PDB file of all heavy atoms in Angstrom:
ATOM      1  N   GLU A   1      77.039 150.499  91.918  1.00  0.00           N
ATOM      2  CA  GLU A   1      78.195 151.386  92.174  1.00  0.00           C
ATOM      3  C   GLU A   1      77.953 152.193  93.448  1.00  0.00           C
ATOM      4  O   GLU A   1      78.955 152.375  94.227  1.00  0.00           O
ATOM      5  CB  GLU A   1      78.372 152.352  90.985  1.00  0.00           C
ATOM      6  CG  GLU A   1      78.937 151.619  89.734  1.00  0.00           C
ATOM      7  CD  GLU A   1      77.904 150.746  89.051  1.00  0.00           C
ATOM      8  OE1 GLU A   1      76.703 150.974  89.262  1.00  0.00           O
ATOM      9  OE2 GLU A   1      78.322 149.867  88.253  1.00  0.00           O
ATOM     10  N   LEU A   2      76.746 152.576  93.731  1.00  0.00           N
ATOM     11  CA  LEU A   2      76.366 153.335  94.960  1.00  0.00           C
ATOM     12  C   LEU A   2      76.761 152.516  96.182  1.00  0.00           C
ATOM     13  O   LEU A   2      77.298 152.905  97.132  1.00  0.00           O
ATOM     14  CB  LEU A   2      74.989 153.790  94.883  1.00  0.00           C
ATOM     15  CG  LEU A   2      74.438 154.431  96.174  1.00  0.00           C
ATOM     16  CD1 LEU A   2      75.109 155.718  96.388  1.00  0.00           C
ATOM     17  CD2 LEU A   2      72.917 154.553  96.159  1.00  0.00           C
ATOM     18  N   ILE A   3      76.201 151.242  96.100  1.00  0.00           N
ATOM     19  CA  ILE A   3      76.428 150.339  97.302  1.00  0.00           C
ATOM     20  C   ILE A   3      77.912 150.029  97.581  1.00  0.00           C
ATOM     21  O   ILE A   3      78.367 149.940  98.709  1.00  0.00           O
ATOM     22  CB  ILE A   3      75.595 149.059  97.112  1.00  0.00           C
ATOM     23  CG1 ILE A   3      74.113 149.351  97.111  1.00  0.00           C
ATOM     24  CG2 ILE A   3      75.908 148.013  98.263  1.00  0.00           C
ATOM     25  CD1 ILE A   3      73.255 148.106  96.935  1.00  0.00           C
ATOM     26  N   ILE A   4      78.662 149.798  96.440  1.00  0.00           N
ATOM     27  CA  ILE A   4      80.111 149.614  96.629  1.00  0.00           C
ATOM     28  C   ILE A   4      80.789 150.760  97.298  1.00  0.00           C
ATOM     29  O   ILE A   4      81.572 150.582  98.205  1.00  0.00           O
ATOM     30  CB  ILE A   4      80.741 149.348  95.209  1.00  0.00           C
ATOM     31  CG1 ILE A   4      80.341 147.967  94.651  1.00  0.00           C
ATOM     32  CG2 ILE A   4      82.295 149.353  95.356  1.00  0.00           C
ATOM     33  CD1 ILE A   4      80.874 147.726  93.254  1.00  0.00           C
ATOM     34  N   ASP A   5      80.463 152.006  96.811  1.00  0.00           N
ATOM     35  CA  ASP A   5      81.161 153.186  97.457  1.00  0.00           C
ATOM     36  C   ASP A   5      80.561 153.385  98.817  1.00  0.00           C
ATOM     37  O   ASP A   5      81.278 154.044  99.669  1.00  0.00           O
ATOM     38  CB  ASP A   5      80.883 154.368  96.577  1.00  0.00           C
ATOM     39  CG  ASP A   5      81.785 154.319  95.280  1.00  0.00           C
ATOM     40  OD1 ASP A   5      82.776 153.706  95.270  1.00  0.00           O
ATOM     41  OD2 ASP A   5      81.392 155.047  94.336  1.00  0.00           O
ATOM     42  N   TRP A   6      79.338 153.008  99.070  1.00  0.00           N
ATOM     43  CA  TRP A   6      78.708 153.313 100.347  1.00  0.00           C
ATOM     44  C   TRP A   6      79.086 152.360 101.397  1.00  0.00           C
ATOM     45  O   TRP A   6      79.602 152.832 102.457  1.00  0.00           O
ATOM     46  CB  TRP A   6      77.178 153.338 100.122  1.00  0.00           C
ATOM     47  CG  TRP A   6      76.334 153.645 101.163  1.00  0.00           C
ATOM     48  CD1 TRP A   6      76.647 154.605 102.303  1.00  0.00           C
ATOM     49  CD2 TRP A   6      75.050 153.272 101.520  1.00  0.00           C
ATOM     50  NE1 TRP A   6      75.623 154.661 103.149  1.00  0.00           N
ATOM     51  CE2 TRP A   6      74.620 153.881 102.749  1.00  0.00           C
ATOM     52  CE3 TRP A   6      74.146 152.279 100.959  1.00  0.00           C
ATOM     53  CZ2 TRP A   6      73.342 153.743 103.313  1.00  0.00           C
ATOM     54  CZ3 TRP A   6      72.941 152.196 101.498  1.00  0.00           C
ATOM     55  CH2 TRP A   6      72.495 152.802 102.689  1.00  0.00           C
ATOM     56  N   VAL A   7      78.923 151.015 101.241  1.00  0.00           N
ATOM     57  CA  VAL A   7      79.149 150.086 102.252  1.00  0.00           C
ATOM     58  C   VAL A   7      80.110 148.951 101.846  1.00  0.00           C
ATOM     59  O   VAL A   7      80.371 148.137 102.769  1.00  0.00           O
ATOM     60  CB  VAL A   7      77.823 149.528 102.801  1.00  0.00           C
ATOM     61  CG1 VAL A   7      77.037 150.563 103.489  1.00  0.00           C
ATOM     62  CG2 VAL A   7      77.063 148.890 101.715  1.00  0.00           C
ATOM     63  N   GLY A   8      80.470 148.819 100.679  1.00  0.00           N
ATOM     64  CA  GLY A   8      81.519 147.823 100.303  1.00  0.00           C
ATOM     65  C   GLY A   8      81.001 146.783  99.309  1.00  0.00           C
ATOM     66  O   GLY A   8      79.856 146.717  98.986  1.00  0.00           O
ATOM     67  N   VAL A   9      81.988 145.951  98.774  1.00  0.00           N
ATOM     68  CA  VAL A   9      81.746 145.050  97.713  1.00  0.00           C
ATOM     69  C   VAL A   9      80.771 143.856  98.122  1.00  0.00           C
ATOM     70  O   VAL A   9      79.964 143.442  97.327  1.00  0.00           O
ATOM     71  CB  VAL A   9      83.099 144.425  97.191  1.00  0.00           C
ATOM     72  CG1 VAL A   9      82.788 143.414  96.103  1.00  0.00           C
ATOM     73  CG2 VAL A   9      83.905 145.585  96.617  1.00  0.00           C
ATOM     74  N   SER A  10      80.958 143.419  99.405  1.00  0.00           N
ATOM     75  CA  SER A  10      80.195 142.258  99.732  1.00  0.00           C
ATOM     76  C   SER A  10      78.758 142.530  99.828  1.00  0.00           C
ATOM     77  O   SER A  10      77.912 141.720  99.354  1.00  0.00           O
ATOM     78  CB  SER A  10      80.629 141.735 101.187  1.00  0.00           C
ATOM     79  OG  SER A  10      80.371 142.765 102.157  1.00  0.00           O
ATOM     80  N   PHE A  11      78.365 143.711 100.238  1.00  0.00           N
ATOM     81  CA  PHE A  11      76.930 144.098 100.193  1.00  0.00           C
ATOM     82  C   PHE A  11      76.383 144.291  98.774  1.00  0.00           C
ATOM     83  O   PHE A  11      75.323 143.926  98.388  1.00  0.00           O
ATOM     84  CB  PHE A  11      76.749 145.391 101.092  1.00  0.00           C
ATOM     85  CG  PHE A  11      76.375 145.055 102.479  1.00  0.00           C
ATOM     86  CD1 PHE A  11      77.446 144.813 103.365  1.00  0.00           C
ATOM     87  CD2 PHE A  11      75.097 145.191 102.904  1.00  0.00           C
ATOM     88  CE1 PHE A  11      77.134 144.551 104.609  1.00  0.00           C
ATOM     89  CE2 PHE A  11      74.824 144.900 104.289  1.00  0.00           C
ATOM     90  CZ  PHE A  11      75.793 144.583 105.134  1.00  0.00           C
ATOM     91  N   ALA A  12      77.341 144.846  97.926  1.00  0.00           N
ATOM     92  CA  ALA A  12      76.931 145.114  96.506  1.00  0.00           C
ATOM     93  C   ALA A  12      76.649 143.786  95.819  1.00  0.00           C
ATOM     94  O   ALA A  12      75.689 143.697  94.986  1.00  0.00           O
ATOM     95  CB  ALA A  12      77.996 145.849  95.807  1.00  0.00           C
ATOM     96  N   GLU A  13      77.423 142.720  96.115  1.00  0.00           N
ATOM     97  CA  GLU A  13      77.237 141.419  95.450  1.00  0.00           C
ATOM     98  C   GLU A  13      75.887 140.882  95.802  1.00  0.00           C
ATOM     99  O   GLU A  13      75.278 140.198  94.979  1.00  0.00           O
ATOM    100  CB  GLU A  13      78.368 140.499  95.866  1.00  0.00           C
ATOM    101  CG  GLU A  13      79.776 140.860  95.276  1.00  0.00           C
ATOM    102  CD  GLU A  13      80.807 139.921  95.812  1.00  0.00           C
ATOM    103  OE1 GLU A  13      80.573 139.039  96.722  1.00  0.00           O
ATOM    104  OE2 GLU A  13      81.941 139.985  95.322  1.00  0.00           O
ATOM    105  N   HIS A  14      75.432 141.112  97.051  1.00  0.00           N
ATOM    106  CA  HIS A  14      74.196 140.421  97.414  1.00  0.00           C
ATOM    107  C   HIS A  14      72.995 141.348  97.394  1.00  0.00           C
ATOM    108  O   HIS A  14      71.811 140.898  97.244  1.00  0.00           O
ATOM    109  CB  HIS A  14      74.364 139.946  98.849  1.00  0.00           C
ATOM    110  CG  HIS A  14      75.322 138.815  99.117  1.00  0.00           C
ATOM    111  ND1 HIS A  14      76.634 139.118  99.442  1.00  0.00           N
ATOM    112  CD2 HIS A  14      75.163 137.558  98.968  1.00  0.00           C
ATOM    113  CE1 HIS A  14      77.236 137.948  99.561  1.00  0.00           C
ATOM    114  NE2 HIS A  14      76.452 136.946  99.296  1.00  0.00           N
ATOM    115  N   ALA A  15      73.183 142.653  97.426  1.00  0.00           N
ATOM    116  CA  ALA A  15      72.035 143.582  97.633  1.00  0.00           C
ATOM    117  C   ALA A  15      71.689 144.386  96.374  1.00  0.00           C
ATOM    118  O   ALA A  15      70.618 145.008  96.258  1.00  0.00           O
ATOM    119  CB  ALA A  15      72.325 144.548  98.754  1.00  0.00           C
ATOM    120  N   SER A  16      72.670 144.568  95.356  1.00  0.00           N
ATOM    121  CA  SER A  16      72.452 145.477  94.312  1.00  0.00           C
ATOM    122  C   SER A  16      71.227 145.037  93.435  1.00  0.00           C
ATOM    123  O   SER A  16      70.422 145.857  92.966  1.00  0.00           O
ATOM    124  CB  SER A  16      73.685 145.595  93.472  1.00  0.00           C
ATOM    125  OG  SER A  16      74.110 144.423  92.971  1.00  0.00           O
ATOM    126  N   ALA A  17      71.113 143.725  93.210  1.00  0.00           N
ATOM    127  CA  ALA A  17      70.017 143.294  92.347  1.00  0.00           C
ATOM    128  C   ALA A  17      68.635 143.526  93.111  1.00  0.00           C
ATOM    129  O   ALA A  17      67.621 143.836  92.424  1.00  0.00           O
ATOM    130  CB  ALA A  17      70.138 141.778  92.050  1.00  0.00           C
ATOM    131  N   LEU A  18      68.667 143.439  94.466  1.00  0.00           N
ATOM    132  CA  LEU A  18      67.464 143.641  95.168  1.00  0.00           C
ATOM    133  C   LEU A  18      67.057 145.149  95.121  1.00  0.00           C
ATOM    134  O   LEU A  18      65.926 145.494  95.018  1.00  0.00           O
ATOM    135  CB  LEU A  18      67.657 143.280  96.669  1.00  0.00           C
ATOM    136  CG  LEU A  18      67.545 141.856  97.097  1.00  0.00           C
ATOM    137  CD1 LEU A  18      68.671 140.960  96.609  1.00  0.00           C
ATOM    138  CD2 LEU A  18      67.425 141.758  98.664  1.00  0.00           C
ATOM    139  N   LEU A  19      68.076 145.994  95.041  1.00  0.00           N
ATOM    140  CA  LEU A  19      67.798 147.399  95.006  1.00  0.00           C
ATOM    141  C   LEU A  19      66.988 147.833  93.778  1.00  0.00           C
ATOM    142  O   LEU A  19      66.027 148.569  93.834  1.00  0.00           O
ATOM    143  CB  LEU A  19      69.102 148.159  95.063  1.00  0.00           C
ATOM    144  CG  LEU A  19      68.982 149.761  95.099  1.00  0.00           C
ATOM    145  CD1 LEU A  19      68.136 150.247  96.241  1.00  0.00           C
ATOM    146  CD2 LEU A  19      70.390 150.302  95.122  1.00  0.00           C
ATOM    147  N   ALA A  20      67.401 147.219  92.674  1.00  0.00           N
ATOM    148  CA  ALA A  20      66.746 147.597  91.322  1.00  0.00           C
ATOM    149  C   ALA A  20      65.352 147.057  91.350  1.00  0.00           C
ATOM    150  O   ALA A  20      64.331 147.906  90.992  1.00  0.00           O
ATOM    151  CB  ALA A  20      67.451 146.925  90.199  1.00  0.00           C
ATOM    152  N   VAL A  21      65.106 145.795  91.946  1.00  0.00           N
ATOM    153  CA  VAL A  21      63.710 145.296  91.954  1.00  0.00           C
ATOM    154  C   VAL A  21      62.765 146.162  92.894  1.00  0.00           C
ATOM    155  O   VAL A  21      61.666 146.544  92.448  1.00  0.00           O
ATOM    156  CB  VAL A  21      63.702 143.888  92.434  1.00  0.00           C
ATOM    157  CG1 VAL A  21      62.284 143.317  92.667  1.00  0.00           C
ATOM    158  CG2 VAL A  21      64.407 143.003  91.392  1.00  0.00           C
ATOM    159  N   LEU A  22      63.325 146.474  94.022  1.00  0.00           N
ATOM    160  CA  LEU A  22      62.537 147.219  95.032  1.00  0.00           C
ATOM    161  C   LEU A  22      62.398 148.686  94.683  1.00  0.00           C
ATOM    162  O   LEU A  22      61.365 149.304  95.039  1.00  0.00           O
ATOM    163  CB  LEU A  22      63.229 147.181  96.358  1.00  0.00           C
ATOM    164  CG  LEU A  22      63.254 145.734  96.996  1.00  0.00           C
ATOM    165  CD1 LEU A  22      64.067 145.732  98.246  1.00  0.00           C
ATOM    166  CD2 LEU A  22      61.867 145.140  97.215  1.00  0.00           C
ATOM    167  N   ALA A  23      63.319 149.305  93.858  1.00  0.00           N
ATOM    168  CA  ALA A  23      63.171 150.606  93.406  1.00  0.00           C
ATOM    169  C   ALA A  23      61.957 150.730  92.488  1.00  0.00           C
ATOM    170  O   ALA A  23      61.197 151.716  92.535  1.00  0.00           O
ATOM    171  CB  ALA A  23      64.420 151.110  92.780  1.00  0.00           C
ATOM    172  N   VAL A  24      61.832 149.775  91.543  1.00  0.00           N
ATOM    173  CA  VAL A  24      60.639 149.814  90.617  1.00  0.00           C
ATOM    174  C   VAL A  24      59.401 149.736  91.406  1.00  0.00           C
ATOM    175  O   VAL A  24      58.475 150.386  91.136  1.00  0.00           O
ATOM    176  CB  VAL A  24      60.803 148.641  89.580  1.00  0.00           C
ATOM    177  CG1 VAL A  24      59.540 148.555  88.745  1.00  0.00           C
ATOM    178  CG2 VAL A  24      62.016 148.873  88.698  1.00  0.00           C
ATOM    179  N   SER A  25      59.353 148.756  92.300  1.00  0.00           N
ATOM    180  CA  SER A  25      58.091 148.532  93.090  1.00  0.00           C
ATOM    181  C   SER A  25      57.768 149.800  93.927  1.00  0.00           C
ATOM    182  O   SER A  25      56.660 150.217  93.999  1.00  0.00           O
ATOM    183  CB  SER A  25      58.365 147.296  94.077  1.00  0.00           C
ATOM    184  OG  SER A  25      57.323 147.226  95.006  1.00  0.00           O
ATOM    185  N   THR A  26      58.782 150.363  94.561  1.00  0.00           N
ATOM    186  CA  THR A  26      58.572 151.582  95.360  1.00  0.00           C
ATOM    187  C   THR A  26      58.049 152.744  94.540  1.00  0.00           C
ATOM    188  O   THR A  26      57.183 153.463  94.935  1.00  0.00           O
ATOM    189  CB  THR A  26      59.840 151.936  96.092  1.00  0.00           C
ATOM    190  OG1 THR A  26      60.275 150.909  96.899  1.00  0.00           O
ATOM    191  CG2 THR A  26      59.613 153.184  97.016  1.00  0.00           C
ATOM    192  N   THR A  27      58.617 152.806  93.341  1.00  0.00           N
ATOM    193  CA  THR A  27      58.149 153.999  92.435  1.00  0.00           C
ATOM    194  C   THR A  27      56.688 153.806  92.105  1.00  0.00           C
ATOM    195  O   THR A  27      55.969 154.830  92.140  1.00  0.00           O
ATOM    196  CB  THR A  27      58.982 153.916  91.109  1.00  0.00           C
ATOM    197  OG1 THR A  27      60.377 154.013  91.468  1.00  0.00           O
ATOM    198  CG2 THR A  27      58.549 155.099  90.154  1.00  0.00           C
ATOM    199  N   LEU A  28      56.235 152.601  91.732  1.00  0.00           N
ATOM    200  CA  LEU A  28      54.894 152.415  91.313  1.00  0.00           C
ATOM    201  C   LEU A  28      53.892 152.454  92.486  1.00  0.00           C
ATOM    202  O   LEU A  28      52.775 152.976  92.297  1.00  0.00           O
ATOM    203  CB  LEU A  28      54.725 151.165  90.631  1.00  0.00           C
ATOM    204  CG  LEU A  28      55.513 151.022  89.241  1.00  0.00           C
ATOM    205  CD1 LEU A  28      55.389 149.539  88.681  1.00  0.00           C
ATOM    206  CD2 LEU A  28      55.102 151.968  88.198  1.00  0.00           C
ATOM    207  N   THR A  29      54.275 151.934  93.652  1.00  0.00           N
ATOM    208  CA  THR A  29      53.342 151.721  94.730  1.00  0.00           C
ATOM    209  C   THR A  29      53.361 152.907  95.735  1.00  0.00           C
ATOM    210  O   THR A  29      52.307 153.458  96.019  1.00  0.00           O
ATOM    211  CB  THR A  29      53.564 150.449  95.483  1.00  0.00           C
ATOM    212  OG1 THR A  29      54.929 150.471  96.029  1.00  0.00           O
ATOM    213  CG2 THR A  29      53.545 149.343  94.557  1.00  0.00           C
ATOM    214  N   VAL A  30      54.503 153.275  96.252  1.00  0.00           N
ATOM    215  CA  VAL A  30      54.572 154.320  97.299  1.00  0.00           C
ATOM    216  C   VAL A  30      54.566 155.717  96.644  1.00  0.00           C
ATOM    217  O   VAL A  30      53.666 156.539  96.924  1.00  0.00           O
ATOM    218  CB  VAL A  30      55.827 154.095  98.175  1.00  0.00           C
ATOM    219  CG1 VAL A  30      55.817 155.186  99.232  1.00  0.00           C
ATOM    220  CG2 VAL A  30      55.841 152.769  98.714  1.00  0.00           C
ATOM    221  N   ALA A  31      55.381 155.940  95.672  1.00  0.00           N
ATOM    222  CA  ALA A  31      55.521 157.224  95.068  1.00  0.00           C
ATOM    223  C   ALA A  31      54.252 157.523  94.266  1.00  0.00           C
ATOM    224  O   ALA A  31      53.792 158.667  94.258  1.00  0.00           O
ATOM    225  CB  ALA A  31      56.780 157.313  94.152  1.00  0.00           C
ATOM    226  N   GLY A  32      53.680 156.501  93.562  1.00  0.00           N
ATOM    227  CA  GLY A  32      52.599 156.701  92.702  1.00  0.00           C
ATOM    228  C   GLY A  32      51.241 156.548  93.388  1.00  0.00           C
ATOM    229  O   GLY A  32      50.252 157.024  92.728  1.00  0.00           O
ATOM    230  N   GLN A  33      51.084 156.026  94.519  1.00  0.00           N
ATOM    231  CA  GLN A  33      49.789 155.743  95.116  1.00  0.00           C
ATOM    232  C   GLN A  33      49.640 155.995  96.554  1.00  0.00           C
ATOM    233  O   GLN A  33      48.552 155.691  97.094  1.00  0.00           O
ATOM    234  CB  GLN A  33      49.210 154.313  94.783  1.00  0.00           C
ATOM    235  CG  GLN A  33      48.918 154.084  93.320  1.00  0.00           C
ATOM    236  CD  GLN A  33      47.803 154.938  92.852  1.00  0.00           C
ATOM    237  OE1 GLN A  33      46.953 155.329  93.717  1.00  0.00           O
ATOM    238  NE2 GLN A  33      47.689 155.194  91.575  1.00  0.00           N
ATOM    239  N   PHE A  34      50.649 156.407  97.242  1.00  0.00           N
ATOM    240  CA  PHE A  34      50.560 156.559  98.791  1.00  0.00           C
ATOM    241  C   PHE A  34      49.417 157.580  99.129  1.00  0.00           C
ATOM    242  O   PHE A  34      48.707 157.285 100.118  1.00  0.00           O
ATOM    243  CB  PHE A  34      51.928 157.139  99.261  1.00  0.00           C
ATOM    244  CG  PHE A  34      51.910 157.200 100.813  1.00  0.00           C
ATOM    245  CD1 PHE A  34      52.079 156.048 101.551  1.00  0.00           C
ATOM    246  CD2 PHE A  34      51.681 158.445 101.497  1.00  0.00           C
ATOM    247  CE1 PHE A  34      52.158 156.250 102.965  1.00  0.00           C
ATOM    248  CE2 PHE A  34      51.788 158.525 102.795  1.00  0.00           C
ATOM    249  CZ  PHE A  34      51.925 157.448 103.626  1.00  0.00           C
ATOM    250  N   ASN A  35      49.300 158.677  98.361  1.00  0.00           N
ATOM    251  CA  ASN A  35      48.244 159.576  98.707  1.00  0.00           C
ATOM    252  C   ASN A  35      46.802 159.004  98.521  1.00  0.00           C
ATOM    253  O   ASN A  35      45.911 159.532  99.170  1.00  0.00           O
ATOM    254  CB  ASN A  35      48.387 160.860  97.867  1.00  0.00           C
ATOM    255  CG  ASN A  35      49.634 161.608  98.258  1.00  0.00           C
ATOM    256  OD1 ASN A  35      49.573 162.300  99.289  1.00  0.00           O
ATOM    257  ND2 ASN A  35      50.668 161.623  97.515  1.00  0.00           N
ATOM    258  N   SER A  36      46.649 158.006  97.656  1.00  0.00           N
ATOM    259  CA  SER A  36      45.352 157.327  97.542  1.00  0.00           C
ATOM    260  C   SER A  36      44.940 156.683  98.859  1.00  0.00           C
ATOM    261  O   SER A  36      43.787 156.763  99.299  1.00  0.00           O
ATOM    262  CB  SER A  36      45.372 156.358  96.410  1.00  0.00           C
ATOM    263  OG  SER A  36      45.506 156.928  95.151  1.00  0.00           O
ATOM    264  N   GLY A  37      45.931 156.055  99.441  1.00  0.00           N
ATOM    265  CA  GLY A  37      45.563 155.436 100.735  1.00  0.00           C
ATOM    266  C   GLY A  37      45.280 156.414 101.807  1.00  0.00           C
ATOM    267  O   GLY A  37      44.445 156.270 102.664  1.00  0.00           O
ATOM    268  N   MET A  38      46.062 157.591 101.741  1.00  0.00           N
ATOM    269  CA  MET A  38      45.821 158.615 102.760  1.00  0.00           C
ATOM    270  C   MET A  38      44.434 159.265 102.695  1.00  0.00           C
ATOM    271  O   MET A  38      43.948 159.708 103.608  1.00  0.00           O
ATOM    272  CB  MET A  38      46.988 159.626 102.766  1.00  0.00           C
ATOM    273  CG  MET A  38      48.323 159.181 103.240  1.00  0.00           C
ATOM    274  SD  MET A  38      48.273 158.617 104.916  1.00  0.00           S
ATOM    275  CE  MET A  38      48.168 156.851 104.817  1.00  0.00           C
TER     276      MET A  38
END
């Protein structure tokens, strides 16, 4: 819904599934462990 309102239906059809996958990955890796690397 965010992508539809933001940039349109064509992007939502192709990008929304990617957003969910990458959101989970970003949560666990960057949000959860970035400071370990630093």
